[in-house]
């Protein structure tokens, strides 16, 4: 019997089918477009987001779920302990909202907040690892342990097609974005100690995808891998086929990137997350 519910947020980019199969509860982040607020993946789809980025007068912003959102979800799992796995606290207040929610609830069960220090496909790998053992009836302490080990073991690398959306969202200066556009370079980003940082620059998408493949090959043998993207289906299918030649895993989950990173990165992103086999 399952005793632990795994909760995450929509920055993990999990699709409804995967979340449903593993019993993961996903809280949507909020997307603000002018005077309108949407729930990521519920009221606004990734396709709607990306087609509107260049037409909106004001660049969209995001906000984490509030403590009341977490309290409601935690209360919807009566009799179950909770392992709540979320986006890096260095770039979002989501973990803090979850902790506040814990203080709002009666202490009749255990709730652990796990700061993954990741987002997107990396966070997805952590949540899925925890959910798999929870589905098998693992004890609360074991699910927490799996989540924390996965968070420490997962590494990510992402290719952005442009820096202009990072500049619009205030993540880099407009001058840097302009220079990058003139030089026609594309940023490659990774996570270090929970912070999203630049790992280099490439001259083309071909060079960028090669960089992602080298990143994966350098971490062989790979135990788990996931991909998140905001590019077209033809490109991502070709990229995943090349990945399959490098790793020996039964399945490579591919997720469409939602609003959390999509607002700051725009179309054309590819992110790879790997967990090295023990």
C-alpha atoms as a PDB file:
ATOM      1  CA  UNK A   1       0.000   0.000   0.000  1.00  0.00           C
ATOM      2  CA  UNK A   2       1.305   3.450  -0.895  1.00  0.00           C
ATOM      3  CA  UNK A   3       2.018   5.492   2.210  1.00  0.00           C
ATOM      4  CA  UNK A   4       3.755   8.547   0.728  1.00  0.00           C
ATOM      5  CA  UNK A   5       2.517  11.121  -1.802  1.00  0.00           C
ATOM      6  CA  UNK A   6       5.113  12.893  -3.952  1.00  0.00           C
ATOM      7  CA  UNK A   7       4.372  16.516  -4.820  1.00  0.00           C
ATOM      8  CA  UNK A   8       6.281  18.761  -7.225  1.00  0.00           C
ATOM      9  CA  UNK A   9       5.652  21.955  -9.201  1.00  0.00           C
ATOM     10  CA  UNK A  10       5.163  22.632 -12.890  1.00  0.00           C
ATOM     11  CA  UNK A  11       8.745  23.813 -13.350  1.00  0.00           C
ATOM     12  CA  UNK A  12       9.511  20.068 -13.620  1.00  0.00           C
ATOM     13  CA  UNK A  13       7.827  20.114 -17.058  1.00  0.00           C
ATOM     14  CA  UNK A  14       6.187  16.735 -16.352  1.00  0.00           C
ATOM     15  CA  UNK A  15       3.374  15.875 -18.740  1.00  0.00           C
ATOM     16  CA  UNK A  16      -0.006  14.825 -17.247  1.00  0.00           C
ATOM     17  CA  UNK A  17       0.377  11.210 -18.377  1.00  0.00           C
ATOM     18  CA  UNK A  18       3.748  10.692 -16.669  1.00  0.00           C
ATOM     19  CA  UNK A  19       2.619  12.469 -13.508  1.00  0.00           C
ATOM     20  CA  UNK A  20      -0.573  10.424 -13.419  1.00  0.00           C
ATOM     21  CA  UNK A  21       1.139   7.085 -13.957  1.00  0.00           C
ATOM     22  CA  UNK A  22       3.555   7.767 -11.097  1.00  0.00           C
ATOM     23  CA  UNK A  23       1.023   9.403  -8.807  1.00  0.00           C
ATOM     24  CA  UNK A  24       2.865  12.736  -8.699  1.00  0.00           C
ATOM     25  CA  UNK A  25       0.801  15.770  -7.717  1.00  0.00           C
ATOM     26  CA  UNK A  26       1.927  18.810  -9.740  1.00  0.00           C
ATOM     27  CA  UNK A  27       1.251  22.346  -8.506  1.00  0.00           C
ATOM     28  CA  UNK A  28       1.181  24.870 -11.349  1.00  0.00           C
ATOM     29  CA  UNK A  29       3.207  28.036 -11.088  1.00  0.00           C
ATOM     30  CA  UNK A  30       1.476  31.277 -12.025  1.00  0.00           C
ATOM     31  CA  UNK A  31       2.095  33.124 -15.290  1.00  0.00           C
ATOM     32  CA  UNK A  32       1.294  36.825 -15.315  1.00  0.00           C
ATOM     33  CA  UNK A  33       0.653  38.536 -18.651  1.00  0.00           C
ATOM     34  CA  UNK A  34      -0.265  42.148 -17.995  1.00  0.00           C
ATOM     35  CA  UNK A  35      -3.377  42.149 -15.800  1.00  0.00           C
ATOM     36  CA  UNK A  36      -4.128  38.460 -16.435  1.00  0.00           C
ATOM     37  CA  UNK A  37      -2.855  35.508 -14.405  1.00  0.00           C
ATOM     38  CA  UNK A  38      -2.750  31.931 -15.674  1.00  0.00           C
ATOM     39  CA  UNK A  39      -1.831  28.594 -14.150  1.00  0.00           C
ATOM     40  CA  UNK A  40       1.065  27.000 -16.024  1.00  0.00           C
ATOM     41  CA  UNK A  41      -0.105  23.981 -18.011  1.00  0.00           C
ATOM     42  CA  UNK A  42      -3.730  24.464 -16.887  1.00  0.00           C
ATOM     43  CA  UNK A  43      -4.939  27.816 -18.228  1.00  0.00           C
ATOM     44  CA  UNK A  44      -2.111  28.348 -20.711  1.00  0.00           C
ATOM     45  CA  UNK A  45      -0.269  25.765 -22.805  1.00  0.00           C
ATOM     46  CA  UNK A  46       3.386  25.941 -23.840  1.00  0.00           C
ATOM     47  CA  UNK A  47       2.319  26.515 -27.455  1.00  0.00           C
ATOM     48  CA  UNK A  48       0.158  29.495 -26.439  1.00  0.00           C
ATOM     49  CA  UNK A  49       2.983  30.890 -24.360  1.00  0.00           C
ATOM     50  CA  UNK A  50       5.627  30.765 -27.084  1.00  0.00           C
ATOM     51  CA  UNK A  51       3.423  32.199 -29.823  1.00  0.00           C
ATOM     52  CA  UNK A  52       2.570  35.187 -27.628  1.00  0.00           C
ATOM     53  CA  UNK A  53       6.054  36.056 -26.327  1.00  0.00           C
ATOM     54  CA  UNK A  54       6.883  38.466 -29.150  1.00  0.00           C
ATOM     55  CA  UNK A  55       3.434  40.064 -29.333  1.00  0.00           C
ATOM     56  CA  UNK A  56       2.850  41.009 -25.698  1.00  0.00           C
ATOM     57  CA  UNK A  57       3.435  44.634 -24.732  1.00  0.00           C
ATOM     58  CA  UNK A  58       4.837  43.563 -21.362  1.00  0.00           C
ATOM     59  CA  UNK A  59       7.037  40.497 -21.019  1.00  0.00           C
ATOM     60  CA  UNK A  60       5.315  37.814 -18.885  1.00  0.00           C
ATOM     61  CA  UNK A  61       6.470  37.062 -15.361  1.00  0.00           C
ATOM     62  CA  UNK A  62       6.074  34.011 -13.150  1.00  0.00           C
ATOM     63  CA  UNK A  63       5.176  33.535  -9.487  1.00  0.00           C
ATOM     64  CA  UNK A  64       5.464  30.479  -7.272  1.00  0.00           C
ATOM     65  CA  UNK A  65       2.397  28.730  -5.838  1.00  0.00           C
ATOM     66  CA  UNK A  66       1.332  30.306  -2.545  1.00  0.00           C
ATOM     67  CA  UNK A  67       1.301  28.573   0.853  1.00  0.00           C
ATOM     68  CA  UNK A  68      -2.475  28.139   0.563  1.00  0.00           C
ATOM     69  CA  UNK A  69      -1.966  26.211  -2.699  1.00  0.00           C
ATOM     70  CA  UNK A  70       0.415  23.817  -0.977  1.00  0.00           C
ATOM     71  CA  UNK A  71      -1.806  23.496   2.094  1.00  0.00           C
ATOM     72  CA  UNK A  72      -4.748  22.527  -0.108  1.00  0.00           C
ATOM     73  CA  UNK A  73      -2.763  19.852  -1.971  1.00  0.00           C
ATOM     74  CA  UNK A  74      -1.239  18.448   1.198  1.00  0.00           C
ATOM     75  CA  UNK A  75      -4.710  18.257   2.770  1.00  0.00           C
ATOM     76  CA  UNK A  76      -6.043  16.380  -0.280  1.00  0.00           C
ATOM     77  CA  UNK A  77      -3.936  13.333   0.668  1.00  0.00           C
ATOM     78  CA  UNK A  78      -5.400  12.344   4.055  1.00  0.00           C
ATOM     79  CA  UNK A  79      -3.484   9.697   5.956  1.00  0.00           C
ATOM     80  CA  UNK A  80      -0.429   9.955   3.686  1.00  0.00           C
ATOM     81  CA  UNK A  81       2.971  11.434   4.419  1.00  0.00           C
ATOM     82  CA  UNK A  82       4.246  13.970   1.882  1.00  0.00           C
ATOM     83  CA  UNK A  83       7.585  14.342   0.092  1.00  0.00           C
ATOM     84  CA  UNK A  84       7.468  17.683  -1.712  1.00  0.00           C
ATOM     85  CA  UNK A  85      10.246  18.101  -4.306  1.00  0.00           C
ATOM     86  CA  UNK A  86      10.753  21.504  -5.914  1.00  0.00           C
ATOM     87  CA  UNK A  87      12.689  23.948  -8.047  1.00  0.00           C
ATOM     88  CA  UNK A  88      15.947  25.353  -6.678  1.00  0.00           C
ATOM     89  CA  UNK A  89      15.400  27.797  -3.833  1.00  0.00           C
ATOM     90  CA  UNK A  90      18.140  29.973  -5.358  1.00  0.00           C
ATOM     91  CA  UNK A  91      15.872  30.951  -8.249  1.00  0.00           C
ATOM     92  CA  UNK A  92      12.360  30.602  -6.811  1.00  0.00           C
ATOM     93  CA  UNK A  93      10.449  31.014  -3.565  1.00  0.00           C
ATOM     94  CA  UNK A  94       8.517  27.776  -4.134  1.00  0.00           C
ATOM     95  CA  UNK A  95      10.273  25.799  -1.385  1.00  0.00           C
ATOM     96  CA  UNK A  96       9.613  28.632   1.051  1.00  0.00           C
ATOM     97  CA  UNK A  97       5.891  28.617   0.206  1.00  0.00           C
ATOM     98  CA  UNK A  98       5.832  24.870   0.843  1.00  0.00           C
ATOM     99  CA  UNK A  99       7.524  25.290   4.237  1.00  0.00           C
ATOM    100  CA  UNK A 100       5.040  27.985   5.268  1.00  0.00           C
ATOM    101  CA  UNK A 101       2.215  25.639   4.301  1.00  0.00           C
ATOM    102  CA  UNK A 102       3.643  22.962   6.605  1.00  0.00           C
ATOM    103  CA  UNK A 103       3.268  25.387   9.521  1.00  0.00           C
ATOM    104  CA  UNK A 104      -0.368  25.976   8.585  1.00  0.00           C
ATOM    105  CA  UNK A 105      -1.313  22.298   8.930  1.00  0.00           C
ATOM    106  CA  UNK A 106      -1.838  20.080  11.945  1.00  0.00           C
ATOM    107  CA  UNK A 107       1.153  17.869  12.679  1.00  0.00           C
ATOM    108  CA  UNK A 108      -0.612  14.541  12.224  1.00  0.00           C
ATOM    109  CA  UNK A 109       1.768  13.345   9.490  1.00  0.00           C
ATOM    110  CA  UNK A 110       5.243  13.861   8.141  1.00  0.00           C
ATOM    111  CA  UNK A 111       5.993  16.383   5.380  1.00  0.00           C
ATOM    112  CA  UNK A 112       9.492  16.832   3.970  1.00  0.00           C
ATOM    113  CA  UNK A 113      10.426  19.680   1.606  1.00  0.00           C
ATOM    114  CA  UNK A 114      13.265  18.719  -0.754  1.00  0.00           C
ATOM    115  CA  UNK A 115      15.108  21.529  -2.529  1.00  0.00           C
ATOM    116  CA  UNK A 116      16.260  19.821  -5.728  1.00  0.00           C
ATOM    117  CA  UNK A 117      18.588  22.735  -6.649  1.00  0.00           C
ATOM    118  CA  UNK A 118      17.392  22.062 -10.206  1.00  0.00           C
ATOM    119  CA  UNK A 119      14.419  22.692 -12.451  1.00  0.00           C
ATOM    120  CA  UNK A 120      12.943  21.379 -15.710  1.00  0.00           C
ATOM    121  CA  UNK A 121      14.141  17.895 -16.763  1.00  0.00           C
ATOM    122  CA  UNK A 122      16.479  17.684 -13.768  1.00  0.00           C
ATOM    123  CA  UNK A 123      13.658  18.264 -11.305  1.00  0.00           C
ATOM    124  CA  UNK A 124      11.548  15.768 -13.263  1.00  0.00           C
ATOM    125  CA  UNK A 125      14.164  13.029 -12.749  1.00  0.00           C
ATOM    126  CA  UNK A 126      14.238  13.684  -9.002  1.00  0.00           C
ATOM    127  CA  UNK A 127      10.446  13.660  -8.645  1.00  0.00           C
ATOM    128  CA  UNK A 128      10.108  10.511 -10.745  1.00  0.00           C
ATOM    129  CA  UNK A 129      12.779   8.669  -8.742  1.00  0.00           C
ATOM    130  CA  UNK A 130      10.974   9.474  -5.489  1.00  0.00           C
ATOM    131  CA  UNK A 131       7.560   8.598  -6.924  1.00  0.00           C
ATOM    132  CA  UNK A 132       8.667   5.180  -8.175  1.00  0.00           C
ATOM    133  CA  UNK A 133       9.708   4.003  -4.711  1.00  0.00           C
ATOM    134  CA  UNK A 134       6.641   5.626  -3.142  1.00  0.00           C
ATOM    135  CA  UNK A 135       4.415   3.633  -5.510  1.00  0.00           C
ATOM    136  CA  UNK A 136       6.086   0.451  -4.269  1.00  0.00           C
ATOM    137  CA  UNK A 137       5.037   1.258  -0.708  1.00  0.00           C
ATOM    138  CA  UNK A 138       8.390   2.562   0.558  1.00  0.00           C
ATOM    139  CA  UNK A 139       8.538   4.198   3.971  1.00  0.00           C
ATOM    140  CA  UNK A 140       8.645   7.979   4.313  1.00  0.00           C
ATOM    141  CA  UNK A 141      12.361   8.031   5.235  1.00  0.00           C
ATOM    142  CA  UNK A 142      13.231   5.907   2.207  1.00  0.00           C
ATOM    143  CA  UNK A 143      11.346   8.157  -0.220  1.00  0.00           C
ATOM    144  CA  UNK A 144      13.067  11.217   1.253  1.00  0.00           C
ATOM    145  CA  UNK A 145      16.438   9.489   0.928  1.00  0.00           C
ATOM    146  CA  UNK A 146      15.862   8.589  -2.715  1.00  0.00           C
ATOM    147  CA  UNK A 147      14.798  12.156  -3.528  1.00  0.00           C
ATOM    148  CA  UNK A 148      17.846  13.685  -1.860  1.00  0.00           C
ATOM    149  CA  UNK A 149      20.261  11.223  -3.499  1.00  0.00           C
ATOM    150  CA  UNK A 150      18.755  11.847  -6.915  1.00  0.00           C
ATOM    151  CA  UNK A 151      18.968  15.620  -6.429  1.00  0.00           C
ATOM    152  CA  UNK A 152      22.678  15.284  -5.618  1.00  0.00           C
ATOM    153  CA  UNK A 153      23.367  12.994  -8.582  1.00  0.00           C
ATOM    154  CA  UNK A 154      21.457  14.688 -11.417  1.00  0.00           C
ATOM    155  CA  UNK A 155      23.371  17.026 -13.727  1.00  0.00           C
ATOM    156  CA  UNK A 156      21.887  19.309 -16.380  1.00  0.00           C
ATOM    157  CA  UNK A 157      22.977  21.191 -19.465  1.00  0.00           C
ATOM    158  CA  UNK A 158      20.786  23.361 -21.673  1.00  0.00           C
ATOM    159  CA  UNK A 159      21.062  25.060 -25.050  1.00  0.00           C
ATOM    160  CA  UNK A 160      19.270  28.394 -25.523  1.00  0.00           C
ATOM    161  CA  UNK A 161      18.658  29.690 -29.035  1.00  0.00           C
ATOM    162  CA  UNK A 162      18.865  33.352 -28.020  1.00  0.00           C
ATOM    163  CA  UNK A 163      19.557  35.630 -25.083  1.00  0.00           C
ATOM    164  CA  UNK A 164      16.852  38.174 -25.886  1.00  0.00           C
ATOM    165  CA  UNK A 165      14.211  36.626 -23.619  1.00  0.00           C
ATOM    166  CA  UNK A 166      16.701  36.402 -20.756  1.00  0.00           C
ATOM    167  CA  UNK A 167      17.229  40.145 -21.201  1.00  0.00           C
ATOM    168  CA  UNK A 168      13.486  40.885 -21.322  1.00  0.00           C
ATOM    169  CA  UNK A 169      13.005  38.974 -18.085  1.00  0.00           C
ATOM    170  CA  UNK A 170      15.848  40.858 -16.407  1.00  0.00           C
ATOM    171  CA  UNK A 171      18.110  37.794 -16.123  1.00  0.00           C
ATOM    172  CA  UNK A 172      20.938  39.391 -18.127  1.00  0.00           C
ATOM    173  CA  UNK A 173      21.632  42.926 -19.311  1.00  0.00           C
ATOM    174  CA  UNK A 174      20.227  44.084 -22.676  1.00  0.00           C
ATOM    175  CA  UNK A 175      23.773  45.008 -23.732  1.00  0.00           C
ATOM    176  CA  UNK A 176      24.973  41.416 -23.319  1.00  0.00           C
ATOM    177  CA  UNK A 177      21.969  40.112 -25.250  1.00  0.00           C
ATOM    178  CA  UNK A 178      22.582  42.627 -28.041  1.00  0.00           C
ATOM    179  CA  UNK A 179      26.259  41.677 -28.265  1.00  0.00           C
ATOM    180  CA  UNK A 180      25.342  37.986 -28.377  1.00  0.00           C
ATOM    181  CA  UNK A 181      22.911  38.652 -31.213  1.00  0.00           C
ATOM    182  CA  UNK A 182      25.491  40.609 -33.193  1.00  0.00           C
ATOM    183  CA  UNK A 183      28.100  37.882 -32.681  1.00  0.00           C
ATOM    184  CA  UNK A 184      25.469  35.209 -33.362  1.00  0.00           C
ATOM    185  CA  UNK A 185      26.366  33.154 -30.333  1.00  0.00           C
ATOM    186  CA  UNK A 186      24.025  31.013 -28.273  1.00  0.00           C
ATOM    187  CA  UNK A 187      24.325  30.392 -24.524  1.00  0.00           C
ATOM    188  CA  UNK A 188      24.773  26.984 -22.916  1.00  0.00           C
ATOM    189  CA  UNK A 189      23.602  26.988 -19.289  1.00  0.00           C
ATOM    190  CA  UNK A 190      23.881  24.630 -16.335  1.00  0.00           C
ATOM    191  CA  UNK A 191      23.184  24.516 -12.595  1.00  0.00           C
ATOM    192  CA  UNK A 192      25.922  25.002 -10.019  1.00  0.00           C
ATOM    193  CA  UNK A 193      25.022  24.910  -6.324  1.00  0.00           C
ATOM    194  CA  UNK A 194      21.418  25.616  -7.232  1.00  0.00           C
ATOM    195  CA  UNK A 195      22.208  28.633  -9.422  1.00  0.00           C
ATOM    196  CA  UNK A 196      21.588  28.759 -13.177  1.00  0.00           C
ATOM    197  CA  UNK A 197      24.926  29.784 -14.691  1.00  0.00           C
ATOM    198  CA  UNK A 198      26.521  30.036 -18.113  1.00  0.00           C
ATOM    199  CA  UNK A 199      28.564  27.005 -19.135  1.00  0.00           C
ATOM    200  CA  UNK A 200      29.762  28.459 -22.431  1.00  0.00           C
ATOM    201  CA  UNK A 201      28.788  29.908 -25.784  1.00  0.00           C
ATOM    202  CA  UNK A 202      28.375  28.196 -29.150  1.00  0.00           C
ATOM    203  CA  UNK A 203      28.209  29.554 -32.678  1.00  0.00           C
ATOM    204  CA  UNK A 204      25.378  27.411 -33.995  1.00  0.00           C
ATOM    205  CA  UNK A 205      22.595  25.038 -32.987  1.00  0.00           C
ATOM    206  CA  UNK A 206      24.557  22.178 -34.489  1.00  0.00           C
ATOM    207  CA  UNK A 207      27.521  23.001 -32.272  1.00  0.00           C
ATOM    208  CA  UNK A 208      25.177  23.400 -29.301  1.00  0.00           C
ATOM    209  CA  UNK A 209      23.546  20.004 -29.786  1.00  0.00           C
ATOM    210  CA  UNK A 210      26.966  18.418 -30.171  1.00  0.00           C
ATOM    211  CA  UNK A 211      27.914  20.016 -26.862  1.00  0.00           C
ATOM    212  CA  UNK A 212      24.871  18.451 -25.189  1.00  0.00           C
ATOM    213  CA  UNK A 213      25.750  15.033 -26.605  1.00  0.00           C
ATOM    214  CA  UNK A 214      29.330  15.301 -25.369  1.00  0.00           C
ATOM    215  CA  UNK A 215      27.989  16.229 -21.939  1.00  0.00           C
ATOM    216  CA  UNK A 216      25.955  13.010 -21.866  1.00  0.00           C
ATOM    217  CA  UNK A 217      28.765  10.834 -23.241  1.00  0.00           C
ATOM    218  CA  UNK A 218      31.149  12.135 -20.571  1.00  0.00           C
ATOM    219  CA  UNK A 219      28.812  10.844 -17.859  1.00  0.00           C
ATOM    220  CA  UNK A 220      28.561   7.238 -19.028  1.00  0.00           C
ATOM    221  CA  UNK A 221      27.244   4.879 -17.865  1.00  0.00           C
ATOM    222  CA  UNK A 222      24.006   6.844 -17.619  1.00  0.00           C
ATOM    223  CA  UNK A 223      21.335   5.384 -15.346  1.00  0.00           C
ATOM    224  CA  UNK A 224      18.547   7.813 -16.219  1.00  0.00           C
ATOM    225  CA  UNK A 225      18.104  10.636 -18.688  1.00  0.00           C
ATOM    226  CA  UNK A 226      15.345  13.109 -19.524  1.00  0.00           C
ATOM    227  CA  UNK A 227      14.936  15.861 -22.102  1.00  0.00           C
ATOM    228  CA  UNK A 228      12.866  19.039 -21.973  1.00  0.00           C
ATOM    229  CA  UNK A 229      12.495  21.361 -24.942  1.00  0.00           C
ATOM    230  CA  UNK A 230      10.749  24.281 -26.592  1.00  0.00           C
ATOM    231  CA  UNK A 231      11.791  23.470 -30.141  1.00  0.00           C
ATOM    232  CA  UNK A 232       9.966  21.767 -33.015  1.00  0.00           C
ATOM    233  CA  UNK A 233       9.125  18.063 -33.069  1.00  0.00           C
ATOM    234  CA  UNK A 234      11.393  17.268 -36.011  1.00  0.00           C
ATOM    235  CA  UNK A 235      14.477  18.702 -34.332  1.00  0.00           C
ATOM    236  CA  UNK A 236      13.852  17.111 -30.950  1.00  0.00           C
ATOM    237  CA  UNK A 237      13.103  13.711 -32.472  1.00  0.00           C
ATOM    238  CA  UNK A 238      16.389  13.804 -34.373  1.00  0.00           C
ATOM    239  CA  UNK A 239      18.267  14.864 -31.253  1.00  0.00           C
ATOM    240  CA  UNK A 240      16.738  12.086 -29.143  1.00  0.00           C
ATOM    241  CA  UNK A 241      17.663   9.509 -31.792  1.00  0.00           C
ATOM    242  CA  UNK A 242      21.283  10.614 -31.463  1.00  0.00           C
ATOM    243  CA  UNK A 243      20.993  10.329 -27.677  1.00  0.00           C
ATOM    244  CA  UNK A 244      19.787   6.753 -28.011  1.00  0.00           C
ATOM    245  CA  UNK A 245      23.091   5.892 -29.669  1.00  0.00           C
ATOM    246  CA  UNK A 246      24.961   7.081 -26.568  1.00  0.00           C
ATOM    247  CA  UNK A 247      22.948   5.686 -23.670  1.00  0.00           C
ATOM    248  CA  UNK A 248      21.523   2.284 -22.875  1.00  0.00           C
ATOM    249  CA  UNK A 249      18.319   3.048 -21.016  1.00  0.00           C
ATOM    250  CA  UNK A 250      14.886   1.544 -21.683  1.00  0.00           C
ATOM    251  CA  UNK A 251      13.178   4.907 -22.154  1.00  0.00           C
ATOM    252  CA  UNK A 252      14.120   8.570 -22.620  1.00  0.00           C
ATOM    253  CA  UNK A 253      11.244  10.758 -21.402  1.00  0.00           C
ATOM    254  CA  UNK A 254      10.820  13.915 -23.475  1.00  0.00           C
ATOM    255  CA  UNK A 255       8.854  16.829 -22.041  1.00  0.00           C
ATOM    256  CA  UNK A 256       7.579  20.048 -23.568  1.00  0.00           C
ATOM    257  CA  UNK A 257       8.968  22.958 -21.597  1.00  0.00           C
ATOM    258  CA  UNK A 258       6.436  25.017 -19.682  1.00  0.00           C
ATOM    259  CA  UNK A 259       6.341  28.625 -18.595  1.00  0.00           C
ATOM    260  CA  UNK A 260       8.883  28.620 -15.773  1.00  0.00           C
ATOM    261  CA  UNK A 261      11.963  28.464 -17.959  1.00  0.00           C
ATOM    262  CA  UNK A 262      10.173  29.107 -21.251  1.00  0.00           C
ATOM    263  CA  UNK A 263       9.419  32.732 -20.422  1.00  0.00           C
ATOM    264  CA  UNK A 264      13.109  33.421 -19.842  1.00  0.00           C
ATOM    265  CA  UNK A 265      14.473  31.220 -22.636  1.00  0.00           C
ATOM    266  CA  UNK A 266      11.872  31.411 -25.377  1.00  0.00           C
ATOM    267  CA  UNK A 267      11.524  28.976 -28.274  1.00  0.00           C
ATOM    268  CA  UNK A 268      14.410  26.762 -29.367  1.00  0.00           C
ATOM    269  CA  UNK A 269      15.644  25.457 -25.996  1.00  0.00           C
ATOM    270  CA  UNK A 270      16.879  21.910 -25.433  1.00  0.00           C
ATOM    271  CA  UNK A 271      17.750  20.723 -21.932  1.00  0.00           C
ATOM    272  CA  UNK A 272      19.296  17.367 -21.034  1.00  0.00           C
ATOM    273  CA  UNK A 273      19.363  15.979 -17.490  1.00  0.00           C
ATOM    274  CA  UNK A 274      21.312  12.831 -16.606  1.00  0.00           C
ATOM    275  CA  UNK A 275      21.744  10.694 -13.537  1.00  0.00           C
ATOM    276  CA  UNK A 276      24.888   8.616 -13.621  1.00  0.00           C
ATOM    277  CA  UNK A 277      24.477   4.921 -12.967  1.00  0.00           C
ATOM    278  CA  UNK A 278      25.876   3.837  -9.601  1.00  0.00           C
END
